[in-house]
C-alpha atoms as a PDB file:
ATOM      1  CA  MET A   1     -67.869  55.854 -10.867  1.00  0.00           C
ATOM      2  CA  PRO A   2     -66.335  52.361 -11.199  1.00  0.00           C
ATOM      3  CA  LYS A   3     -62.743  51.742 -10.162  1.00  0.00           C
ATOM      4  CA  ALA A   4     -60.045  51.578 -12.796  1.00  0.00           C
ATOM      5  CA  GLN A   5     -59.167  48.163 -14.198  1.00  0.00           C
ATOM      6  CA  TYR A   6     -55.513  47.761 -15.115  1.00  0.00           C
ATOM      7  CA  ALA A   7     -53.857  45.207 -17.372  1.00  0.00           C
ATOM      8  CA  ILE A   8     -50.656  44.090 -15.627  1.00  0.00           C
ATOM      9  CA  LEU A   9     -47.495  42.606 -17.126  1.00  0.00           C
ATOM     10  CA  ARG A  10     -44.252  42.272 -15.173  1.00  0.00           C
ATOM     11  CA  PHE A  11     -40.953  40.553 -15.856  1.00  0.00           C
ATOM     12  CA  ALA A  12     -38.329  38.877 -13.670  1.00  0.00           C
ATOM     13  CA  LYS A  13     -34.985  37.382 -14.717  1.00  0.00           C
ATOM     14  CA  TYR A  14     -33.374  34.264 -13.259  1.00  0.00           C
ATOM     15  CA  LYS A  15     -29.826  32.987 -13.701  1.00  0.00           C
ATOM     16  CA  GLY A  16     -29.532  29.520 -12.182  1.00  0.00           C
ATOM     17  CA  PRO A  17     -30.199  27.909  -8.790  1.00  0.00           C
ATOM     18  CA  GLU A  18     -33.278  30.084  -8.071  1.00  0.00           C
ATOM     19  CA  ILE A  19     -35.023  28.600 -11.126  1.00  0.00           C
ATOM     20  CA  SER A  20     -35.914  25.461  -9.158  1.00  0.00           C
ATOM     21  CA  ASN A  21     -37.613  27.604  -6.501  1.00  0.00           C
ATOM     22  CA  ILE A  22     -39.626  29.420  -9.171  1.00  0.00           C
ATOM     23  CA  GLU A  23     -40.676  26.077 -10.629  1.00  0.00           C
ATOM     24  CA  ALA A  24     -41.736  24.734  -7.232  1.00  0.00           C
ATOM     25  CA  HIS A  25     -43.951  27.772  -6.697  1.00  0.00           C
ATOM     26  CA  ASN A  26     -45.439  27.856 -10.190  1.00  0.00           C
ATOM     27  CA  GLU A  27     -46.094  24.130 -10.434  1.00  0.00           C
ATOM     28  CA  ARG A  28     -47.307  23.862  -6.828  1.00  0.00           C
ATOM     29  CA  THR A  29     -44.949  21.020  -5.891  1.00  0.00           C
ATOM     30  CA  LYS A  30     -44.669  22.159  -2.278  1.00  0.00           C
ATOM     31  CA  GLU A  31     -47.020  20.997   0.451  1.00  0.00           C
ATOM     32  CA  LYS A  32     -46.829  24.317   2.318  1.00  0.00           C
ATOM     33  CA  TYR A  33     -46.100  27.876   1.250  1.00  0.00           C
ATOM     34  CA  ALA A  34     -44.944  29.609   4.403  1.00  0.00           C
ATOM     35  CA  SER A  35     -43.366  32.462   2.426  1.00  0.00           C
ATOM     36  CA  ASN A  36     -46.661  33.146   0.643  1.00  0.00           C
ATOM     37  CA  PRO A  37     -49.654  33.010   2.994  1.00  0.00           C
ATOM     38  CA  ASP A  38     -51.972  34.034   0.130  1.00  0.00           C
ATOM     39  CA  VAL A  39     -51.780  30.523  -1.322  1.00  0.00           C
ATOM     40  CA  ASP A  40     -54.881  28.512  -0.432  1.00  0.00           C
ATOM     41  CA  THR A  41     -53.908  24.928  -1.217  1.00  0.00           C
ATOM     42  CA  SER A  42     -57.533  23.784  -0.893  1.00  0.00           C
ATOM     43  CA  LYS A  43     -58.158  25.676  -4.147  1.00  0.00           C
ATOM     44  CA  SER A  44     -54.988  24.566  -5.966  1.00  0.00           C
ATOM     45  CA  HIS A  45     -56.981  22.025  -7.974  1.00  0.00           C
ATOM     46  CA  LEU A  46     -58.512  25.013  -9.794  1.00  0.00           C
ATOM     47  CA  ASN A  47     -55.130  26.023 -11.229  1.00  0.00           C
ATOM     48  CA  PHE A  48     -54.488  25.166 -14.878  1.00  0.00           C
ATOM     49  CA  HIS A  49     -51.819  25.224 -17.579  1.00  0.00           C
ATOM     50  CA  LEU A  50     -51.973  26.932 -20.950  1.00  0.00           C
ATOM     51  CA  VAL A  51     -48.496  25.579 -21.725  1.00  0.00           C
ATOM     52  CA  GLU A  52     -47.448  22.350 -20.005  1.00  0.00           C
ATOM     53  CA  PRO A  53     -43.757  22.060 -19.066  1.00  0.00           C
ATOM     54  CA  GLN A  54     -41.991  19.194 -20.807  1.00  0.00           C
ATOM     55  CA  GLY A  55     -39.474  18.700 -18.007  1.00  0.00           C
ATOM     56  CA  LYS A  56     -37.717  20.602 -15.261  1.00  0.00           C
ATOM     57  CA  TYR A  57     -37.479  24.319 -16.043  1.00  0.00           C
ATOM     58  CA  ARG A  58     -33.683  24.430 -15.700  1.00  0.00           C
ATOM     59  CA  THR A  59     -33.183  21.257 -17.739  1.00  0.00           C
ATOM     60  CA  VAL A  60     -35.420  22.433 -20.599  1.00  0.00           C
ATOM     61  CA  ALA A  61     -33.794  25.888 -20.575  1.00  0.00           C
ATOM     62  CA  GLU A  62     -30.260  24.462 -20.726  1.00  0.00           C
ATOM     63  CA  GLN A  63     -31.310  22.167 -23.575  1.00  0.00           C
ATOM     64  CA  GLN A  64     -32.708  25.061 -25.616  1.00  0.00           C
ATOM     65  CA  ILE A  65     -29.600  27.134 -24.962  1.00  0.00           C
ATOM     66  CA  LYS A  66     -27.348  24.241 -26.027  1.00  0.00           C
ATOM     67  CA  GLU A  67     -29.333  23.617 -29.226  1.00  0.00           C
ATOM     68  CA  ALA A  68     -29.065  27.319 -30.072  1.00  0.00           C
ATOM     69  CA  GLY A  69     -25.269  27.077 -29.723  1.00  0.00           C
ATOM     70  CA  CYS A  70     -25.081  29.761 -27.032  1.00  0.00           C
ATOM     71  CA  ARG A  71     -22.294  29.968 -24.511  1.00  0.00           C
ATOM     72  CA  THR A  72     -23.243  30.738 -20.918  1.00  0.00           C
ATOM     73  CA  ARG A  73     -21.581  32.143 -17.832  1.00  0.00           C
ATOM     74  CA  THR A  74     -22.613  31.675 -14.227  1.00  0.00           C
ATOM     75  CA  ASP A  75     -24.320  35.088 -14.359  1.00  0.00           C
ATOM     76  CA  SER A  76     -26.155  34.452 -17.642  1.00  0.00           C
ATOM     77  CA  VAL A  77     -29.941  34.860 -17.468  1.00  0.00           C
ATOM     78  CA  ARG A  78     -31.386  31.507 -18.448  1.00  0.00           C
ATOM     79  CA  LEU A  79     -35.048  32.148 -17.722  1.00  0.00           C
ATOM     80  CA  VAL A  80     -37.413  35.113 -17.904  1.00  0.00           C
ATOM     81  CA  GLU A  81     -40.714  34.953 -16.071  1.00  0.00           C
ATOM     82  CA  ALA A  82     -43.657  37.089 -17.163  1.00  0.00           C
ATOM     83  CA  LEU A  83     -46.347  37.660 -14.552  1.00  0.00           C
ATOM     84  CA  VAL A  84     -49.664  38.463 -16.189  1.00  0.00           C
ATOM     85  CA  THR A  85     -52.711  39.596 -14.243  1.00  0.00           C
ATOM     86  CA  ALA A  86     -55.138  42.495 -13.822  1.00  0.00           C
ATOM     87  CA  THR A  87     -56.512  44.465 -10.917  1.00  0.00           C
ATOM     88  CA  PRO A  88     -59.051  42.539  -8.784  1.00  0.00           C
ATOM     89  CA  GLU A  89     -61.944  44.652 -10.122  1.00  0.00           C
ATOM     90  CA  PHE A  90     -61.435  43.173 -13.589  1.00  0.00           C
ATOM     91  CA  PHE A  91     -61.991  39.594 -12.405  1.00  0.00           C
ATOM     92  CA  LYS A  92     -65.073  40.286 -10.273  1.00  0.00           C
ATOM     93  CA  GLY A  93     -68.061  38.277 -11.486  1.00  0.00           C
ATOM     94  CA  LYS A  94     -66.076  36.455 -14.181  1.00  0.00           C
ATOM     95  CA  LYS A  95     -66.406  32.696 -14.594  1.00  0.00           C
ATOM     96  CA  LYS A  96     -63.434  30.372 -15.009  1.00  0.00           C
ATOM     97  CA  ASP A  97     -63.871  30.205 -18.795  1.00  0.00           C
ATOM     98  CA  GLU A  98     -63.824  34.003 -19.004  1.00  0.00           C
ATOM     99  CA  ILE A  99     -60.710  34.174 -16.831  1.00  0.00           C
ATOM    100  CA  LYS A 100     -59.049  31.507 -18.974  1.00  0.00           C
ATOM    101  CA  ALA A 101     -59.882  33.501 -22.119  1.00  0.00           C
ATOM    102  CA  TYR A 102     -58.126  36.565 -20.660  1.00  0.00           C
ATOM    103  CA  PHE A 103     -54.922  34.641 -20.010  1.00  0.00           C
ATOM    104  CA  GLN A 104     -55.105  32.896 -23.375  1.00  0.00           C
ATOM    105  CA  GLU A 105     -55.271  36.329 -25.002  1.00  0.00           C
ATOM    106  CA  ALA A 106     -52.199  37.371 -23.007  1.00  0.00           C
ATOM    107  CA  LEU A 107     -50.389  34.178 -24.036  1.00  0.00           C
ATOM    108  CA  ASP A 108     -51.215  34.858 -27.690  1.00  0.00           C
ATOM    109  CA  PHE A 109     -49.727  38.340 -27.266  1.00  0.00           C
ATOM    110  CA  ILE A 110     -46.469  37.011 -25.809  1.00  0.00           C
ATOM    111  CA  LYS A 111     -46.214  34.426 -28.591  1.00  0.00           C
ATOM    112  CA  GLN A 112     -46.394  37.290 -31.082  1.00  0.00           C
ATOM    113  CA  ASN A 113     -43.494  39.064 -29.396  1.00  0.00           C
ATOM    114  CA  GLN A 114     -41.282  36.191 -28.235  1.00  0.00           C
ATOM    115  CA  ARG A 115     -40.436  32.981 -30.059  1.00  0.00           C
ATOM    116  CA  PRO A 116     -43.250  30.561 -29.038  1.00  0.00           C
ATOM    117  CA  GLU A 117     -40.919  27.581 -28.854  1.00  0.00           C
ATOM    118  CA  THR A 118     -38.919  29.275 -26.088  1.00  0.00           C
ATOM    119  CA  ILE A 119     -41.933  29.229 -23.745  1.00  0.00           C
ATOM    120  CA  ILE A 120     -41.392  26.513 -21.143  1.00  0.00           C
ATOM    121  CA  SER A 121     -44.522  26.875 -19.062  1.00  0.00           C
ATOM    122  CA  ALA A 122     -47.617  29.031 -18.672  1.00  0.00           C
ATOM    123  CA  THR A 123     -49.627  28.249 -15.569  1.00  0.00           C
ATOM    124  CA  VAL A 124     -52.578  30.144 -14.147  1.00  0.00           C
ATOM    125  CA  HIS A 125     -53.004  30.327 -10.384  1.00  0.00           C
ATOM    126  CA  MET A 126     -56.572  30.459  -9.105  1.00  0.00           C
ATOM    127  CA  ASP A 127     -55.633  29.643  -5.509  1.00  0.00           C
ATOM    128  CA  GLU A 128     -54.470  33.132  -4.522  1.00  0.00           C
ATOM    129  CA  LYS A 129     -56.378  36.396  -3.995  1.00  0.00           C
ATOM    130  CA  THR A 130     -56.225  37.508  -7.637  1.00  0.00           C
ATOM    131  CA  PRO A 131     -55.942  35.156 -10.656  1.00  0.00           C
ATOM    132  CA  HIS A 132     -52.585  35.476 -12.404  1.00  0.00           C
ATOM    133  CA  MET A 133     -50.390  33.652 -14.886  1.00  0.00           C
ATOM    134  CA  HIS A 134     -46.711  32.758 -14.534  1.00  0.00           C
ATOM    135  CA  LEU A 135     -45.219  32.376 -18.010  1.00  0.00           C
ATOM    136  CA  CYS A 136     -41.577  31.304 -18.248  1.00  0.00           C
ATOM    137  CA  PHE A 137     -39.460  31.479 -21.373  1.00  0.00           C
ATOM    138  CA  VAL A 138     -35.822  31.176 -22.377  1.00  0.00           C
ATOM    139  CA  PRO A 139     -34.575  34.620 -23.514  1.00  0.00           C
ATOM    140  CA  LEU A 140     -33.449  33.555 -26.976  1.00  0.00           C
ATOM    141  CA  THR A 141     -33.634  36.228 -29.674  1.00  0.00           C
ATOM    142  CA  GLU A 142     -34.918  35.702 -33.213  1.00  0.00           C
ATOM    143  CA  ASP A 143     -31.350  35.036 -34.361  1.00  0.00           C
ATOM    144  CA  SER A 144     -30.791  32.501 -31.543  1.00  0.00           C
ATOM    145  CA  ARG A 145     -28.721  34.624 -29.157  1.00  0.00           C
ATOM    146  CA  LEU A 146     -29.199  34.334 -25.405  1.00  0.00           C
ATOM    147  CA  SER A 147     -29.965  37.928 -24.418  1.00  0.00           C
ATOM    148  CA  ALA A 148     -32.466  38.837 -21.715  1.00  0.00           C
ATOM    149  CA  LYS A 149     -31.028  42.342 -21.900  1.00  0.00           C
ATOM    150  CA  GLU A 150     -32.134  42.729 -25.508  1.00  0.00           C
ATOM    151  CA  ILE A 151     -35.612  41.365 -24.793  1.00  0.00           C
ATOM    152  CA  VAL A 152     -36.529  42.964 -21.443  1.00  0.00           C
ATOM    153  CA  GLY A 153     -33.308  44.622 -20.388  1.00  0.00           C
ATOM    154  CA  ASN A 154     -34.059  48.326 -19.916  1.00  0.00           C
ATOM    155  CA  LYS A 155     -36.813  50.869 -19.287  1.00  0.00           C
ATOM    156  CA  LYS A 156     -37.303  51.555 -22.971  1.00  0.00           C
ATOM    157  CA  LYS A 157     -37.853  47.854 -23.730  1.00  0.00           C
ATOM    158  CA  LEU A 158     -40.184  47.429 -20.770  1.00  0.00           C
ATOM    159  CA  THR A 159     -42.204  50.475 -21.800  1.00  0.00           C
ATOM    160  CA  GLU A 160     -42.527  49.049 -25.324  1.00  0.00           C
ATOM    161  CA  TRP A 161     -43.788  45.771 -23.860  1.00  0.00           C
ATOM    162  CA  GLN A 162     -46.344  47.635 -21.732  1.00  0.00           C
ATOM    163  CA  ASP A 163     -47.571  49.715 -24.673  1.00  0.00           C
ATOM    164  CA  LYS A 164     -47.930  46.684 -26.930  1.00  0.00           C
ATOM    165  CA  PHE A 165     -49.551  44.563 -24.225  1.00  0.00           C
ATOM    166  CA  TRP A 166     -52.168  47.183 -23.406  1.00  0.00           C
ATOM    167  CA  GLY A 167     -52.798  47.849 -27.098  1.00  0.00           C
ATOM    168  CA  HIS A 168     -53.371  44.140 -27.712  1.00  0.00           C
ATOM    169  CA  MET A 169     -55.534  43.439 -24.664  1.00  0.00           C
ATOM    170  CA  VAL A 170     -57.717  46.554 -24.884  1.00  0.00           C
ATOM    171  CA  ARG A 171     -59.081  45.474 -28.261  1.00  0.00           C
ATOM    172  CA  LYS A 172     -60.900  42.596 -26.576  1.00  0.00           C
ATOM    173  CA  TYR A 173     -61.247  44.169 -23.121  1.00  0.00           C
ATOM    174  CA  PRO A 174     -61.972  47.876 -23.748  1.00  0.00           C
ATOM    175  CA  ASP A 175     -62.313  48.782 -20.050  1.00  0.00           C
ATOM    176  CA  LEU A 176     -58.685  47.951 -19.324  1.00  0.00           C
ATOM    177  CA  GLU A 177     -56.178  50.711 -18.673  1.00  0.00           C
ATOM    178  CA  ARG A 178     -52.485  50.487 -19.311  1.00  0.00           C
ATOM    179  CA  GLY A 179     -50.726  49.109 -16.226  1.00  0.00           C
ATOM    180  CA  GLU A 180     -47.155  49.379 -14.999  1.00  0.00           C
ATOM    181  CA  SER A 181     -44.820  52.299 -15.596  1.00  0.00           C
ATOM    182  CA  ALA A 182     -47.630  54.608 -16.628  1.00  0.00           C
ATOM    183  CA  SER A 183     -45.503  57.526 -15.411  1.00  0.00           C
ATOM    184  CA  LEU A 184     -43.009  56.846 -18.182  1.00  0.00           C
ATOM    185  CA  THR A 185     -45.564  57.658 -20.849  1.00  0.00           C
ATOM    186  CA  GLY A 186     -47.252  60.582 -19.143  1.00  0.00           C
ATOM    187  CA  ARG A 187     -50.547  58.646 -19.071  1.00  0.00           C
ATOM    188  CA  ASP A 188     -51.333  59.641 -22.634  1.00  0.00           C
ATOM    189  CA  HIS A 189     -53.694  56.711 -23.190  1.00  0.00           C
ATOM    190  CA  ILE A 190     -57.245  57.601 -22.221  1.00  0.00           C
ATOM    191  CA  PRO A 191     -59.082  54.317 -21.597  1.00  0.00           C
ATOM    192  CA  PRO A 192     -62.619  53.625 -22.837  1.00  0.00           C
ATOM    193  CA  ARG A 193     -63.753  53.576 -19.193  1.00  0.00           C
ATOM    194  CA  VAL A 194     -63.311  57.364 -19.019  1.00  0.00           C
ATOM    195  CA  PHE A 195     -65.453  57.890 -22.120  1.00  0.00           C
ATOM    196  CA  LYS A 196     -68.184  55.745 -20.550  1.00  0.00           C
ATOM    197  CA  GLN A 197     -68.013  57.841 -17.380  1.00  0.00           C
ATOM    198  CA  MET A 198     -68.287  61.005 -19.455  1.00  0.00           C
ATOM    199  CA  THR A 199     -71.365  59.574 -21.167  1.00  0.00           C
ATOM    200  CA  GLN A 200     -72.948  59.051 -17.737  1.00  0.00           C
ATOM    201  CA  LEU A 201     -71.980  62.563 -16.675  1.00  0.00           C
ATOM    202  CA  THR A 202     -73.433  64.023 -19.876  1.00  0.00           C
ATOM    203  CA  ALA A 203     -76.705  62.197 -19.209  1.00  0.00           C
ATOM    204  CA  GLN A 204     -76.811  63.733 -15.726  1.00  0.00           C
ATOM    205  CA  LYS A 205     -76.064  67.155 -17.241  1.00  0.00           C
ATOM    206  CA  GLU A 206     -78.938  66.797 -19.694  1.00  0.00           C
ATOM    207  CA  LYS A 207     -81.295  65.815 -16.876  1.00  0.00           C
ATOM    208  CA  LEU A 208     -80.173  68.834 -14.844  1.00  0.00           C
ATOM    209  CA  GLU A 209     -80.646  71.054 -17.897  1.00  0.00           C
ATOM    210  CA  GLU A 210     -84.163  69.700 -18.378  1.00  0.00           C
ATOM    211  CA  LEU A 211     -85.094  70.328 -14.744  1.00  0.00           C
ATOM    212  CA  ILE A 212     -83.752  73.891 -14.830  1.00  0.00           C
ATOM    213  CA  SER A 213     -85.460  74.821 -18.088  1.00  0.00           C
ATOM    214  CA  SER A 214     -88.806  73.307 -17.044  1.00  0.00           C
ATOM    215  CA  ALA A 215     -88.968  75.070 -13.683  1.00  0.00           C
ATOM    216  CA  ASN A 216     -91.840  77.605 -13.450  1.00  0.00           C
ATOM    217  CA  LEU A 217     -94.009  79.388 -10.904  1.00  0.00           C
ATOM    218  CA  PHE A 218     -96.319  76.408 -10.457  1.00  0.00           C
ATOM    219  CA  ASN A 219     -93.774  73.604 -10.055  1.00  0.00           C
ATOM    220  CA  ALA A 220     -90.840  75.566  -8.592  1.00  0.00           C
ATOM    221  CA  LYS A 221     -90.721  73.816  -5.199  1.00  0.00           C
ATOM    222  CA  GLY A 222     -90.823  70.319  -6.655  1.00  0.00           C
ATOM    223  CA  ARG A 223     -88.239  71.149  -9.328  1.00  0.00           C
ATOM    224  CA  ILE A 224     -85.908  72.727  -6.752  1.00  0.00           C
ATOM    225  CA  ASP A 225     -86.033  69.575  -4.640  1.00  0.00           C
ATOM    226  CA  GLU A 226     -85.243  67.434  -7.704  1.00  0.00           C
ATOM    227  CA  ILE A 227     -82.374  69.698  -8.719  1.00  0.00           C
ATOM    228  CA  LYS A 228     -80.881  69.644  -5.217  1.00  0.00           C
ATOM    229  CA  LYS A 229     -81.110  65.843  -5.146  1.00  0.00           C
ATOM    230  CA  LEU A 230     -79.403  65.549  -8.531  1.00  0.00           C
ATOM    231  CA  LEU A 231     -76.646  67.951  -7.491  1.00  0.00           C
ATOM    232  CA  ASP A 232     -75.654  65.593  -4.680  1.00  0.00           C
ATOM    233  CA  LYS A 233     -74.486  63.168  -7.399  1.00  0.00           C
ATOM    234  CA  TYR A 234     -73.625  65.642 -10.133  1.00  0.00           C
ATOM    235  CA  ILE A 235     -71.132  67.929  -8.386  1.00  0.00           C
ATOM    236  CA  PRO A 236     -68.898  65.076  -7.083  1.00  0.00           C
ATOM    237  CA  ALA A 237     -69.044  63.457 -10.532  1.00  0.00           C
ATOM    238  CA  VAL A 238     -67.867  66.691 -12.208  1.00  0.00           C
ATOM    239  CA  GLU A 239     -65.057  67.004  -9.672  1.00  0.00           C
ATOM    240  CA  GLN A 240     -63.947  63.417 -10.220  1.00  0.00           C
ATOM    241  CA  MET A 241     -64.022  63.769 -14.007  1.00  0.00           C
ATOM    242  CA  HIS A 242     -61.946  66.941 -13.775  1.00  0.00           C
ATOM    243  CA  THR A 243     -59.359  65.127 -11.632  1.00  0.00           C
ATOM    244  CA  THR A 244     -59.360  62.078 -13.920  1.00  0.00           C
ATOM    245  CA  LEU A 245     -58.777  64.122 -17.068  1.00  0.00           C
ATOM    246  CA  LYS A 246     -55.956  66.057 -15.412  1.00  0.00           C
ATOM    247  CA  LYS A 247     -54.331  62.690 -14.634  1.00  0.00           C
ATOM    248  CA  TYR A 248     -54.365  61.882 -18.334  1.00  0.00           C
ATOM    249  CA  ASN A 249     -52.838  65.246 -19.249  1.00  0.00           C
ATOM    250  CA  VAL A 250     -56.110  66.710 -20.511  1.00  0.00           C
ATOM    251  CA  ALA A 251     -55.797  70.356 -19.523  1.00  0.00           C
ATOM    252  CA  PHE A 252     -58.442  73.061 -19.353  1.00  0.00           C
ATOM    253  CA  THR A 253     -57.941  76.413 -21.047  1.00  0.00           C
ATOM    254  CA  THR A 254     -60.441  79.199 -20.554  1.00  0.00           C
ATOM    255  CA  THR A 255     -61.291  81.914 -23.033  1.00  0.00           C
ATOM    256  CA  THR A 256     -62.565  85.305 -21.909  1.00  0.00           C
ATOM    257  CA  SER A 257     -66.156  84.304 -22.589  1.00  0.00           C
ATOM    258  CA  GLU A 258     -65.729  81.055 -20.666  1.00  0.00           C
ATOM    259  CA  ASN A 259     -64.315  82.967 -17.708  1.00  0.00           C
ATOM    260  CA  LYS A 260     -67.345  85.277 -17.707  1.00  0.00           C
ATOM    261  CA  LYS A 261     -69.652  82.285 -17.537  1.00  0.00           C
ATOM    262  CA  LEU A 262     -67.705  80.911 -14.597  1.00  0.00           C
ATOM    263  CA  LYS A 263     -68.122  84.167 -12.634  1.00  0.00           C
ATOM    264  CA  LYS A 264     -71.909  84.112 -12.530  1.00  0.00           C
ATOM    265  CA  LYS A 265     -74.261  83.268  -9.673  1.00  0.00           C
ATOM    266  CA  ASN A 266     -72.865  81.356  -6.669  1.00  0.00           C
ATOM    267  CA  GLU A 267     -69.656  82.766  -5.182  1.00  0.00           C
ATOM    268  CA  GLN A 268     -68.431  79.511  -3.689  1.00  0.00           C
ATOM    269  CA  LEU A 269     -68.834  77.504  -6.883  1.00  0.00           C
ATOM    270  CA  THR A 270     -67.350  80.322  -8.933  1.00  0.00           C
ATOM    271  CA  GLN A 271     -64.245  80.548  -6.767  1.00  0.00           C
ATOM    272  CA  SER A 272     -63.712  76.798  -6.901  1.00  0.00           C
ATOM    273  CA  LEU A 273     -64.091  76.643 -10.666  1.00  0.00           C
ATOM    274  CA  GLU A 274     -61.903  79.715 -11.122  1.00  0.00           C
ATOM    275  CA  LYS A 275     -59.134  78.130  -9.086  1.00  0.00           C
ATOM    276  CA  SER A 276     -59.239  74.965 -11.154  1.00  0.00           C
ATOM    277  CA  SER A 277     -58.961  77.015 -14.346  1.00  0.00           C
ATOM    278  CA  LYS A 278     -56.031  79.066 -13.087  1.00  0.00           C
ATOM    279  CA  GLU A 279     -54.170  75.998 -11.842  1.00  0.00           C
ATOM    280  CA  SER A 280     -54.551  74.132 -15.125  1.00  0.00           C
ATOM    281  CA  VAL A 281     -51.645  74.203 -17.597  1.00  0.00           C
ATOM    282  CA  LEU A 282     -52.180  73.978 -21.338  1.00  0.00           C
ATOM    283  CA  LYS A 283     -50.931  70.585 -22.522  1.00  0.00           C
ATOM    284  CA  LYS A 284     -51.505  68.451 -25.581  1.00  0.00           C
ATOM    285  CA  LEU A 285     -55.081  67.169 -25.400  1.00  0.00           C
ATOM    286  CA  GLU A 286     -55.791  63.503 -25.955  1.00  0.00           C
ATOM    287  CA  ASN A 287     -59.306  64.203 -27.021  1.00  0.00           C
ATOM    288  CA  GLU A 288     -60.873  67.625 -27.572  1.00  0.00           C
ATOM    289  CA  ARG A 289     -64.386  66.260 -27.208  1.00  0.00           C
ATOM    290  CA  LEU A 290     -63.738  65.153 -23.633  1.00  0.00           C
ATOM    291  CA  ARG A 291     -62.484  68.600 -22.710  1.00  0.00           C
ATOM    292  CA  HIS A 292     -65.529  70.364 -24.158  1.00  0.00           C
ATOM    293  CA  GLN A 293     -67.902  67.928 -22.503  1.00  0.00           C
ATOM    294  CA  CYS A 294     -66.258  68.530 -19.147  1.00  0.00           C
ATOM    295  CA  LEU A 295     -66.449  72.312 -19.620  1.00  0.00           C
ATOM    296  CA  ASP A 296     -70.117  71.940 -20.570  1.00  0.00           C
ATOM    297  CA  ALA A 297     -70.658  69.947 -17.378  1.00  0.00           C
ATOM    298  CA  VAL A 298     -69.173  72.838 -15.393  1.00  0.00           C
ATOM    299  CA  GLU A 299     -71.105  75.492 -17.301  1.00  0.00           C
ATOM    300  CA  ILE A 300     -74.504  74.046 -16.397  1.00  0.00           C
ATOM    301  CA  LEU A 301     -73.731  74.769 -12.733  1.00  0.00           C
ATOM    302  CA  GLU A 302     -73.804  78.487 -13.583  1.00  0.00           C
ATOM    303  CA  ARG A 303     -77.419  78.236 -14.737  1.00  0.00           C
ATOM    304  CA  ILE A 304     -78.844  76.898 -11.483  1.00  0.00           C
ATOM    305  CA  PRO A 305     -81.630  79.133 -10.104  1.00  0.00           C
ATOM    306  CA  PRO A 306     -80.414  81.499  -7.316  1.00  0.00           C
ATOM    307  CA  GLU A 307     -82.824  80.067  -4.734  1.00  0.00           C
ATOM    308  CA  VAL A 308     -81.428  76.547  -5.355  1.00  0.00           C
ATOM    309  CA  VAL A 309     -77.863  77.805  -5.045  1.00  0.00           C
ATOM    310  CA  ARG A 310     -78.663  79.570  -1.777  1.00  0.00           C
ATOM    311  CA  ALA A 311     -80.386  76.525  -0.320  1.00  0.00           C
ATOM    312  CA  TYR A 312     -77.780  74.090  -1.566  1.00  0.00           C
ATOM    313  CA  THR A 313     -74.677  76.005  -0.426  1.00  0.00           C
ATOM    314  CA  ARG A 314     -76.105  76.310   3.086  1.00  0.00           C
ATOM    315  CA  LYS A 315     -75.877  72.528   3.421  1.00  0.00           C
ATOM    316  CA  PRO A 316     -73.087  71.502   5.874  1.00  0.00           C
ATOM    317  CA  SER A 317     -71.784  68.885   3.430  1.00  0.00           C
ATOM    318  CA  ILE A 318     -71.052  71.632   0.900  1.00  0.00           C
ATOM    319  CA  GLN A 319     -69.751  74.247   3.320  1.00  0.00           C
ATOM    320  CA  HIS A 320     -67.204  71.984   4.946  1.00  0.00           C
ATOM    321  CA  ARG A 321     -66.254  69.648   2.138  1.00  0.00           C
ATOM    322  CA  LYS A 322     -62.946  70.147   0.351  1.00  0.00           C
ATOM    323  CA  THR A 323     -63.877  69.642  -3.271  1.00  0.00           C
ATOM    324  CA  GLY A 324     -61.701  68.124  -5.939  1.00  0.00           C
ATOM    325  CA  LEU A 325     -61.904  71.387  -7.880  1.00  0.00           C
ATOM    326  CA  GLU A 326     -60.293  73.313  -5.044  1.00  0.00           C
ATOM    327  CA  ARG A 327     -56.880  71.768  -5.589  1.00  0.00           C
END
């Protein structure tokens, strides 16, 4: 199954003197970057702006603050930097125009949630390992108060930003998962990627079902070989889906009839599946269909012919492997 692709949004706050260092890094005004060996200056010509700075960051920030009539102290936050990126898997195979479109979408999102005129610069770096955008804005509220605390100042605010960002980006990029602080929300967003994986697993289940039902006296040996070959992919896929759904708080309850089905045929498989059922805790389900599909994927294992089970469970890879369902 493909690796997860996360949408990433992070914030940093700056008060004064360090702003010039941030500018030097973002605008690539240094000749060398000893503190950041990931920067490949031979590729810096590939970097681009979505918002061009109209002067020095600190100067522009102070001007905006003055025009807004805000008083400042030495410890006042004058600049907030948003770092926008995604996991490397997301960018694989994408052309520059496609990468630019991703960051433009992110910029549009920030403009919807922060006064556009407060944005000083938005520059995309293509000269490091993973493309990313540094977007700097002055933390002025809608009613012209200087308040980074109100905009990005606590966990609740940051969680709201993450929720909104993911909700905005996933409409155009459905494979993206919610990044950053996922633990704060209990991972209650099931990304489209998981549904695609379940579709693949269901297709494997249907193929396995077809092989089992079509086995007869005349084709038994050939069918058994096909079933064993398919199981090499199918069993790990079921285990991984079970683990993935548990991560997103999709729990597995078992009725009496379901438990009976799990106790048939192969002892090793039965014990593993029984353990997973007993260890599961009933929680609010994000999607009932996913749960039923996963249970169906498990159930088909109980219909495998005895001779296949005996042959398959004698394989060293099965005897000695710690499966994901044995947790």
